[in-house]
Amino acid sequence: MGAHLFTLLNLTSRDRPSSSRWLTRNASWFIEHQISHCQCRHLMQPAQAKVDCRRCKIYRRKHRVPSKPMKCPHCQLLFKGQKRLVTHIQSHADTKKFPCTQCPVTCACPSKLTIHMRIHTGDKPFKCSQCEKCYITSSKLKIHQHNFHDGIKTFKCTECHKSFHSKDTLKCHLRTHTGEKPFICSQCGKDFTWKSGLIRHLATHTDERPFKCTQCDSAFRFLYKLQTHTRIHTGEKLYKCTECGKAFTQSGTLTQHMRSHTDERPFKCTQCNSAFQFPHQLKEHTRIHTGEKPFKCQQCGKEFTQSGNLTQHMRTHTDERPYKCTQCDSAFRVSSQLKTHTRIHTGDCPYHCPHCNKMFSDSSSFKKHTRIHTGEKPYKCHQCGKTFRESSTLKKHMNTHTR
């Protein structure tokens, strides 16, 4: 009899109450009362997702019957309370009754629509008392306070010894070391490290751009893109480096900049000991090992490992010179050439020779000069073995073999 009642109540041996007297006296009432919840219109499989009313809770406390978490019958997610479960089940409905008046999004309930509308209005009612940062929902504020103000980071990465506030954050971080990309687009097969990246990518298939700039004709798929864009018009730079005072329009750019101070290199090559500050640097580096050159010039067939190198190379065919000097008529194909050229006007010579104190305006001239002191000759002739300080001298020498 006892085992049968445990089966009906969906309890395991671990859940068994300390006293079994309730089985013979009151369990039959409790079972019938629980069955009455089966008529709830929101629940498709009441045996898997029991609902506790006030009488249920009193009964459970009195007889020490454990309250099981409620399971969604559609996706098997667990919820602590009936209200959360009912709200979640509505998200599986084919029709969403509450459409947004400013974009194509529809919401399952009025509360979700209220939160969504804050994206358009910019309203952030939940303010952090310690740093005055504002958020759309209270849950995001709690996450912020936990991550930045609690000061407890118990979960440590074994690869780079970085610490995190939660196990889930650490799990996401480890993907930067392993290269795991568990989130795959069902339409094109592209994979992503984070779920947020997949969500942003899915919008590229619809090409909807509901967020429009009021000062120009630009339109964006996401609010954060519009917010970043508006800073071009306002000149606002919210994110400031505490080390050098440099300010940035995006938090991600500040994070990348901070690595220049800490020299953190979390992206490691699996084939050699090289490590990099950014993932794209690692991706470009691996092509040294694979020999891959995916960027090909359509005019001369020359191949490159980086798209930027191809862009610069194409200017040799078109003779495009987009970088113009503001003080003279000179124009350049590459921004670094313009930067070096402007030092002619300013007289700036940032490269100092430690041997003779001679100064140079560009790094290439500085490197050539230092070889006079060090005796380094990196350019070698493969036919006679003679070495040279400069590549131009080697090219002249090679002509002596062709005569």
Protein backbone atom coordinates (compact mmCIF):
# COMPACT_ATOMS: atom_id res chain seq x y z
CA MET A 1 0.00 0.00 0.00
CA GLY A 2 2.79 2.44 0.97
CA ALA A 3 4.76 1.81 -2.24
CA HIS A 4 1.61 2.31 -4.34
CA LEU A 5 0.85 5.67 -2.70
CA PHE A 6 4.43 6.83 -3.26
CA THR A 7 4.00 6.01 -6.96
CA LEU A 8 0.76 8.00 -7.17
CA LEU A 9 2.38 11.00 -5.47
CA ASN A 10 5.41 10.79 -7.77
CA LEU A 11 7.80 10.49 -4.76
CA THR A 12 11.12 8.61 -4.65
CA SER A 13 12.67 6.78 -1.70
CA ARG A 14 14.80 9.87 -1.01
CA ASP A 15 11.60 11.94 -0.64
CA ARG A 16 10.05 9.57 1.96
CA PRO A 17 8.78 11.50 5.04
CA SER A 18 10.15 10.59 8.47
CA SER A 19 6.69 9.53 9.68
CA SER A 20 4.59 7.10 7.64
CA ARG A 21 1.35 7.57 9.65
CA TRP A 22 0.08 10.07 7.08
CA LEU A 23 0.01 7.26 4.46
CA THR A 24 -2.86 5.44 6.17
CA ARG A 25 -4.73 8.46 7.58
CA ASN A 26 -4.55 11.31 5.10
CA ALA A 27 -2.76 10.25 1.92
CA SER A 28 -5.94 9.23 0.14
CA TRP A 29 -7.41 12.73 0.68
CA PHE A 30 -4.20 14.35 -0.54
CA ILE A 31 -4.17 12.21 -3.69
CA GLU A 32 -7.80 13.04 -4.48
CA HIS A 33 -7.11 16.73 -3.85
CA GLN A 34 -4.08 16.65 -6.15
CA ILE A 35 -6.16 14.96 -8.86
CA SER A 36 -8.61 17.89 -8.66
CA HIS A 37 -5.80 20.08 -9.99
CA CYS A 38 -5.72 17.98 -13.14
CA GLN A 39 -8.59 20.04 -14.53
CA CYS A 40 -6.31 23.06 -14.70
CA ARG A 41 -6.55 24.26 -18.30
CA HIS A 42 -2.83 25.18 -18.47
CA LEU A 43 -1.46 21.71 -17.72
CA MET A 44 -1.37 19.01 -20.38
CA GLN A 45 0.24 16.29 -18.20
CA PRO A 46 -0.73 16.95 -14.54
CA ALA A 47 1.15 13.88 -13.31
CA GLN A 48 4.38 15.53 -14.42
CA ALA A 49 3.53 19.07 -13.28
CA LYS A 50 1.48 19.10 -10.04
CA VAL A 51 0.06 22.39 -8.80
CA ASP A 52 0.19 23.33 -5.12
CA CYS A 53 -2.59 25.48 -3.75
CA ARG A 54 -2.74 26.84 -0.17
CA ARG A 55 -4.32 23.64 1.18
CA CYS A 56 -1.59 21.57 -0.51
CA LYS A 57 1.16 23.61 1.09
CA ILE A 58 -0.39 23.37 4.57
CA TYR A 59 -0.74 19.61 4.16
CA ARG A 60 2.87 19.24 2.96
CA ARG A 61 4.24 21.26 5.90
CA LYS A 62 2.16 19.36 8.44
CA HIS A 63 3.12 15.89 7.20
CA ARG A 64 6.56 16.84 5.85
CA VAL A 65 5.71 15.83 2.30
CA PRO A 66 8.34 17.39 -0.01
CA SER A 67 7.18 19.78 -2.73
CA LYS A 68 8.46 18.61 -6.11
CA PRO A 69 9.49 21.21 -8.74
CA MET A 70 6.97 21.60 -11.54
CA LYS A 71 7.89 20.40 -15.02
CA CYS A 72 6.80 21.92 -18.32
CA PRO A 73 5.02 19.24 -20.40
CA HIS A 74 6.44 20.66 -23.65
CA CYS A 75 10.17 21.20 -22.99
CA GLN A 76 10.66 19.49 -19.58
CA LEU A 77 12.04 22.64 -17.90
CA LEU A 78 11.55 22.78 -14.10
CA PHE A 79 9.94 25.69 -12.25
CA LYS A 80 9.62 26.50 -8.54
CA GLY A 81 6.09 27.86 -8.63
CA GLN A 82 2.77 27.56 -10.48
CA LYS A 83 2.79 31.20 -11.66
CA ARG A 84 6.15 30.82 -13.39
CA LEU A 85 5.12 27.53 -14.99
CA VAL A 86 1.84 28.95 -16.34
CA THR A 87 3.66 32.00 -17.78
CA HIS A 88 6.23 29.72 -19.38
CA ILE A 89 3.63 27.39 -20.92
CA GLN A 90 2.04 30.39 -22.64
CA SER A 91 5.33 30.87 -24.52
CA HIS A 92 4.66 27.55 -26.30
CA ALA A 93 1.30 28.80 -27.63
CA ASP A 94 0.98 29.10 -31.42
CA THR A 95 -0.56 32.58 -31.21
CA LYS A 96 0.83 35.40 -29.08
CA LYS A 97 -1.91 37.89 -28.23
CA PHE A 98 0.08 41.00 -27.32
CA PRO A 99 1.83 42.60 -30.34
CA CYS A 100 4.30 45.47 -30.11
CA THR A 101 3.10 48.63 -31.87
CA GLN A 102 6.62 49.66 -32.94
CA CYS A 103 8.16 46.41 -34.25
CA PRO A 104 6.99 42.94 -35.42
CA VAL A 105 7.57 41.29 -32.00
CA THR A 106 4.56 39.72 -30.21
CA CYS A 107 4.52 38.74 -26.53
CA ALA A 108 2.73 35.99 -24.66
CA CYS A 109 1.51 38.16 -21.76
CA PRO A 110 1.09 41.87 -20.87
CA SER A 111 4.05 41.86 -18.45
CA LYS A 112 6.40 40.61 -21.19
CA LEU A 113 5.10 43.33 -23.53
CA THR A 114 5.70 46.00 -20.85
CA ILE A 115 9.32 44.86 -20.50
CA HIS A 116 9.73 44.73 -24.29
CA MET A 117 8.38 48.27 -24.75
CA ARG A 118 11.22 49.57 -22.56
CA ILE A 119 13.59 48.64 -25.41
CA HIS A 120 11.88 51.27 -27.60
CA THR A 121 11.32 53.92 -24.90
CA GLY A 122 14.75 53.49 -23.32
CA ASP A 123 13.14 53.31 -19.86
CA LYS A 124 15.39 51.61 -17.27
CA PRO A 125 13.57 51.81 -13.93
CA PHE A 126 15.91 49.54 -11.94
CA LYS A 127 18.95 51.51 -10.76
CA CYS A 128 22.03 50.18 -8.98
CA SER A 129 22.56 52.00 -5.67
CA GLN A 130 26.36 51.57 -5.82
CA CYS A 131 27.28 52.64 -9.36
CA GLU A 132 24.01 54.18 -10.64
CA LYS A 133 23.87 51.86 -13.65
CA CYS A 134 20.27 51.23 -14.81
CA TYR A 135 18.54 48.14 -16.17
CA ILE A 136 15.28 47.20 -17.88
CA THR A 137 14.40 44.37 -15.45
CA SER A 138 15.04 43.68 -11.77
CA SER A 139 16.63 40.32 -12.60
CA LYS A 140 19.33 42.01 -14.70
CA LEU A 141 20.00 44.43 -11.85
CA LYS A 142 20.44 41.50 -9.43
CA ILE A 143 22.87 39.81 -11.83
CA HIS A 144 24.84 43.07 -12.12
CA GLN A 145 25.03 43.51 -8.34
CA HIS A 146 26.11 39.91 -7.88
CA ASN A 147 28.76 40.07 -10.60
CA PHE A 148 30.31 43.47 -9.83
CA HIS A 149 29.56 44.45 -6.22
CA ASP A 150 29.37 41.25 -4.13
CA GLY A 151 33.11 40.69 -4.63
CA ILE A 152 32.94 36.89 -4.27
CA LYS A 153 34.37 34.92 -7.19
CA THR A 154 34.52 31.26 -6.19
CA PHE A 155 34.68 29.65 -9.65
CA LYS A 156 38.20 29.71 -11.14
CA CYS A 157 39.32 28.86 -14.66
CA THR A 158 42.06 26.20 -14.69
CA GLU A 159 43.47 27.53 -17.98
CA CYS A 160 44.01 31.24 -17.27
CA HIS A 161 43.14 31.41 -13.51
CA LYS A 162 40.42 33.98 -14.11
CA SER A 163 37.64 33.92 -11.47
CA PHE A 164 33.85 34.15 -11.90
CA HIS A 165 30.76 34.61 -9.74
CA SER A 166 28.78 31.67 -11.12
CA LYS A 167 29.34 28.21 -12.52
CA ASP A 168 27.41 29.07 -15.71
CA THR A 169 29.65 32.10 -16.39
CA LEU A 170 32.73 29.90 -15.96
CA LYS A 171 31.24 27.29 -18.30
CA CYS A 172 30.73 29.96 -21.00
CA HIS A 173 34.26 31.30 -20.44
CA LEU A 174 35.85 27.85 -20.90
CA ARG A 175 34.55 27.82 -24.47
CA THR A 176 37.09 30.55 -25.32
CA HIS A 177 39.83 28.02 -24.53
CA THR A 178 38.24 24.87 -25.96
CA GLY A 179 36.76 26.51 -29.08
CA GLU A 180 33.42 24.78 -28.42
CA LYS A 181 30.48 26.27 -30.32
CA PRO A 182 27.32 24.43 -29.22
CA PHE A 183 24.76 26.84 -30.71
CA ILE A 184 24.11 26.07 -34.38
CA CYS A 185 21.92 27.99 -36.83
CA SER A 186 19.27 25.69 -38.31
CA GLN A 187 19.16 27.68 -41.56
CA CYS A 188 22.82 27.97 -42.58
CA GLY A 189 24.69 25.71 -40.16
CA LYS A 190 26.89 28.46 -38.69
CA ASP A 191 27.87 27.75 -35.09
CA PHE A 192 28.36 30.10 -32.14
CA THR A 193 30.02 30.08 -28.73
CA TRP A 194 27.15 31.86 -26.98
CA LYS A 195 23.38 31.69 -27.38
CA SER A 196 23.20 35.49 -27.69
CA GLY A 197 25.42 35.27 -30.77
CA LEU A 198 23.02 32.79 -32.39
CA ILE A 199 20.01 35.01 -31.59
CA ARG A 200 21.71 38.02 -33.20
CA HIS A 201 22.68 35.90 -36.21
CA LEU A 202 19.11 34.62 -36.78
CA ALA A 203 17.99 38.20 -37.38
CA THR A 204 20.29 38.34 -40.43
CA HIS A 205 18.06 35.81 -42.21
CA THR A 206 14.95 38.01 -41.87
CA ASP A 207 16.74 41.34 -42.62
CA GLU A 208 14.24 43.23 -40.45
CA ARG A 209 15.64 46.53 -39.10
CA PRO A 210 13.01 47.95 -36.71
CA PHE A 211 15.38 50.30 -34.84
CA LYS A 212 15.83 53.53 -36.82
CA CYS A 213 18.10 56.48 -36.11
CA THR A 214 16.23 59.79 -35.77
CA GLN A 215 19.21 61.83 -36.99
CA CYS A 216 20.12 59.91 -40.17
CA ASP A 217 18.73 57.14 -42.41
CA SER A 218 20.50 54.28 -40.63
CA ALA A 219 18.42 51.35 -39.33
CA PHE A 220 19.45 48.42 -37.14
CA ARG A 221 18.30 44.94 -36.17
CA PHE A 222 19.03 45.44 -32.46
CA LEU A 223 18.58 48.26 -29.96
CA TYR A 224 22.15 48.08 -28.68
CA LYS A 225 23.39 48.69 -32.25
CA LEU A 226 21.23 51.81 -32.48
CA GLN A 227 22.41 53.02 -29.04
CA THR A 228 26.05 52.57 -30.11
CA HIS A 229 25.36 54.35 -33.41
CA THR A 230 23.75 57.40 -31.76
CA ARG A 231 27.01 58.02 -29.90
CA ILE A 232 28.52 58.93 -33.29
CA HIS A 233 26.12 61.90 -33.39
CA THR A 234 26.41 62.81 -29.69
CA GLY A 235 30.15 62.08 -29.29
CA GLU A 236 29.37 60.32 -26.02
CA LYS A 237 32.00 57.87 -24.70
CA LEU A 238 30.67 56.10 -21.60
CA TYR A 239 33.42 53.54 -21.05
CA LYS A 240 36.65 54.95 -19.64
CA CYS A 241 39.94 53.15 -18.98
CA THR A 242 41.01 53.47 -15.33
CA GLU A 243 44.68 53.03 -16.28
CA CYS A 244 45.24 55.66 -19.00
CA GLY A 245 41.95 57.58 -19.09
CA LYS A 246 41.12 56.70 -22.70
CA ALA A 247 37.35 56.59 -23.36
CA PHE A 248 35.34 54.34 -25.67
CA THR A 249 31.81 54.17 -27.06
CA GLN A 250 31.45 50.40 -26.47
CA SER A 251 32.16 48.25 -23.41
CA GLY A 252 33.63 45.49 -25.60
CA THR A 253 36.22 47.92 -27.01
CA LEU A 254 37.22 48.88 -23.47
CA THR A 255 37.59 45.20 -22.51
CA GLN A 256 39.87 44.65 -25.50
CA HIS A 257 41.83 47.81 -24.66
CA MET A 258 42.42 46.70 -21.05
CA ARG A 259 44.38 43.70 -22.35
CA SER A 260 47.01 46.14 -23.62
CA HIS A 261 47.68 47.05 -19.96
CA THR A 262 47.38 43.58 -18.43
CA ASP A 263 48.93 41.73 -21.42
CA GLU A 264 46.25 39.06 -20.95
CA ARG A 265 46.29 36.54 -23.81
CA PRO A 266 43.42 34.08 -23.28
CA PHE A 267 43.37 32.70 -26.84
CA LYS A 268 46.05 30.03 -27.18
CA CYS A 269 47.22 28.13 -30.25
CA THR A 270 46.93 24.34 -29.90
CA GLN A 271 49.84 23.70 -32.29
CA CYS A 272 52.48 26.05 -30.81
CA ASN A 273 53.03 28.19 -27.72
CA SER A 274 51.61 31.37 -29.23
CA ALA A 275 48.83 33.20 -27.35
CA PHE A 276 46.71 36.15 -28.43
CA GLN A 277 44.56 38.90 -26.97
CA PHE A 278 41.70 38.50 -29.47
CA PRO A 279 40.02 35.50 -31.16
CA HIS A 280 40.48 36.88 -34.69
CA GLN A 281 44.24 37.03 -34.10
CA LEU A 282 44.26 33.33 -33.19
CA LYS A 283 42.16 32.51 -36.26
CA GLU A 284 44.60 34.35 -38.53
CA HIS A 285 47.59 32.74 -36.80
CA THR A 286 46.32 29.17 -37.34
CA ARG A 287 46.51 29.78 -41.09
CA ILE A 288 50.32 29.77 -40.71
CA HIS A 289 50.06 26.10 -39.67
CA THR A 290 47.37 25.14 -42.19
CA GLY A 291 48.72 27.23 -45.08
CA GLU A 292 45.20 28.46 -45.77
CA LYS A 293 44.89 31.70 -47.77
CA PRO A 294 41.14 32.24 -48.25
CA PHE A 295 41.32 35.78 -49.65
CA LYS A 296 42.21 35.85 -53.35
CA CYS A 297 42.71 38.82 -55.69
CA GLN A 298 40.38 38.51 -58.68
CA GLN A 299 42.74 40.50 -60.93
CA CYS A 300 46.15 38.89 -60.39
CA GLY A 301 45.33 35.73 -58.42
CA LYS A 302 47.49 36.61 -55.41
CA GLU A 303 46.24 35.06 -52.15
CA PHE A 304 46.24 36.40 -48.60
CA THR A 305 45.62 35.10 -45.08
CA GLN A 306 43.74 38.25 -43.99
CA SER A 307 40.95 40.21 -45.65
CA GLY A 308 42.62 43.50 -44.67
CA ASN A 309 45.74 42.56 -46.62
CA LEU A 310 43.61 41.84 -49.69
CA THR A 311 41.86 45.21 -49.32
CA GLN A 312 45.22 47.00 -49.20
CA HIS A 313 46.49 44.96 -52.17
CA MET A 314 43.46 45.86 -54.32
CA ARG A 315 44.45 49.51 -54.03
CA THR A 316 47.59 48.74 -56.04
CA HIS A 317 45.27 47.90 -58.96
CA THR A 318 42.81 50.76 -58.48
CA ASP A 319 45.40 53.27 -57.19
CA GLU A 320 42.87 54.30 -54.55
CA ARG A 321 44.40 56.50 -51.82
CA PRO A 322 41.70 57.13 -49.21
CA TYR A 323 44.01 58.45 -46.47
CA LYS A 324 44.74 62.12 -47.18
CA CYS A 325 47.02 64.49 -45.32
CA THR A 326 45.24 67.60 -43.98
CA GLN A 327 48.39 69.74 -44.23
CA CYS A 328 49.53 68.92 -47.78
CA ASP A 329 48.27 67.19 -50.93
CA SER A 330 49.76 63.78 -50.12
CA ALA A 331 47.46 60.73 -50.06
CA PHE A 332 48.14 57.13 -49.04
CA ARG A 333 46.77 53.64 -49.51
CA VAL A 334 47.29 52.59 -45.87
CA SER A 335 46.49 54.51 -42.67
CA SER A 336 49.88 53.64 -41.13
CA GLN A 337 51.61 55.42 -44.05
CA LEU A 338 49.59 58.57 -43.36
CA LYS A 339 50.45 58.37 -39.66
CA THR A 340 54.16 58.15 -40.48
CA HIS A 341 53.86 61.00 -43.01
CA THR A 342 52.22 63.43 -40.55
CA ARG A 343 55.37 63.21 -38.39
CA ILE A 344 57.16 65.17 -41.17
CA HIS A 345 54.86 68.11 -40.35
CA THR A 346 54.85 67.64 -36.56
CA GLY A 347 58.52 66.71 -36.23
CA ASP A 348 57.62 63.83 -33.94
CA CYS A 349 60.32 61.09 -33.73
CA PRO A 350 59.09 58.44 -31.28
CA TYR A 351 61.77 55.82 -32.06
CA HIS A 352 65.07 56.37 -30.18
CA CYS A 353 68.18 54.28 -30.81
CA PRO A 354 69.57 53.06 -27.45
CA HIS A 355 73.11 52.82 -28.88
CA CYS A 356 73.64 56.27 -30.44
CA ASN A 357 70.49 58.21 -29.41
CA LYS A 358 69.54 58.81 -33.05
CA MET A 359 65.78 59.34 -33.54
CA PHE A 360 63.41 58.11 -36.26
CA SER A 361 59.86 58.91 -37.29
CA ASP A 362 58.96 55.36 -38.43
CA SER A 363 59.63 51.88 -37.05
CA SER A 364 61.02 50.41 -40.31
CA SER A 365 63.84 53.00 -40.51
CA PHE A 366 64.54 52.42 -36.82
CA LYS A 367 64.83 48.63 -37.32
CA LYS A 368 67.17 49.07 -40.31
CA HIS A 369 69.36 51.41 -38.27
CA THR A 370 69.64 49.13 -35.22
CA ARG A 371 71.05 46.35 -37.45
CA ILE A 372 74.16 48.52 -37.92
CA HIS A 373 74.83 48.17 -34.18
CA THR A 374 73.73 44.56 -33.76
CA GLY A 375 75.24 43.26 -37.02
CA GLU A 376 72.01 41.40 -37.81
CA LYS A 377 71.58 40.41 -41.47
CA PRO A 378 68.21 38.62 -41.79
CA TYR A 379 68.00 38.54 -45.61
CA LYS A 380 69.92 35.58 -47.08
CA CYS A 381 70.63 34.65 -50.71
CA HIS A 382 69.58 31.02 -51.30
CA GLN A 383 72.07 30.61 -54.17
CA CYS A 384 75.35 31.77 -52.60
CA GLY A 385 74.48 32.13 -48.92
CA LYS A 386 75.41 35.82 -48.68
CA THR A 387 73.39 37.82 -46.11
CA PHE A 388 72.14 41.44 -46.09
CA ARG A 389 70.64 43.97 -43.68
CA GLU A 390 67.87 45.13 -46.03
CA SER A 391 65.57 43.31 -48.45
CA SER A 392 66.23 45.90 -51.17
CA THR A 393 69.96 45.10 -51.06
CA LEU A 394 69.17 41.38 -51.44
CA LYS A 395 67.02 42.08 -54.52
CA LYS A 396 69.87 44.01 -56.15
CA HIS A 397 72.22 41.17 -55.33
CA MET A 398 69.89 38.56 -56.88
CA ASN A 399 70.25 40.34 -60.24
CA THR A 400 73.96 39.36 -60.30
CA HIS A 401 72.92 35.67 -60.52
CA THR A 402 70.53 36.22 -63.43
CA ARG A 403 73.09 37.95 -65.71
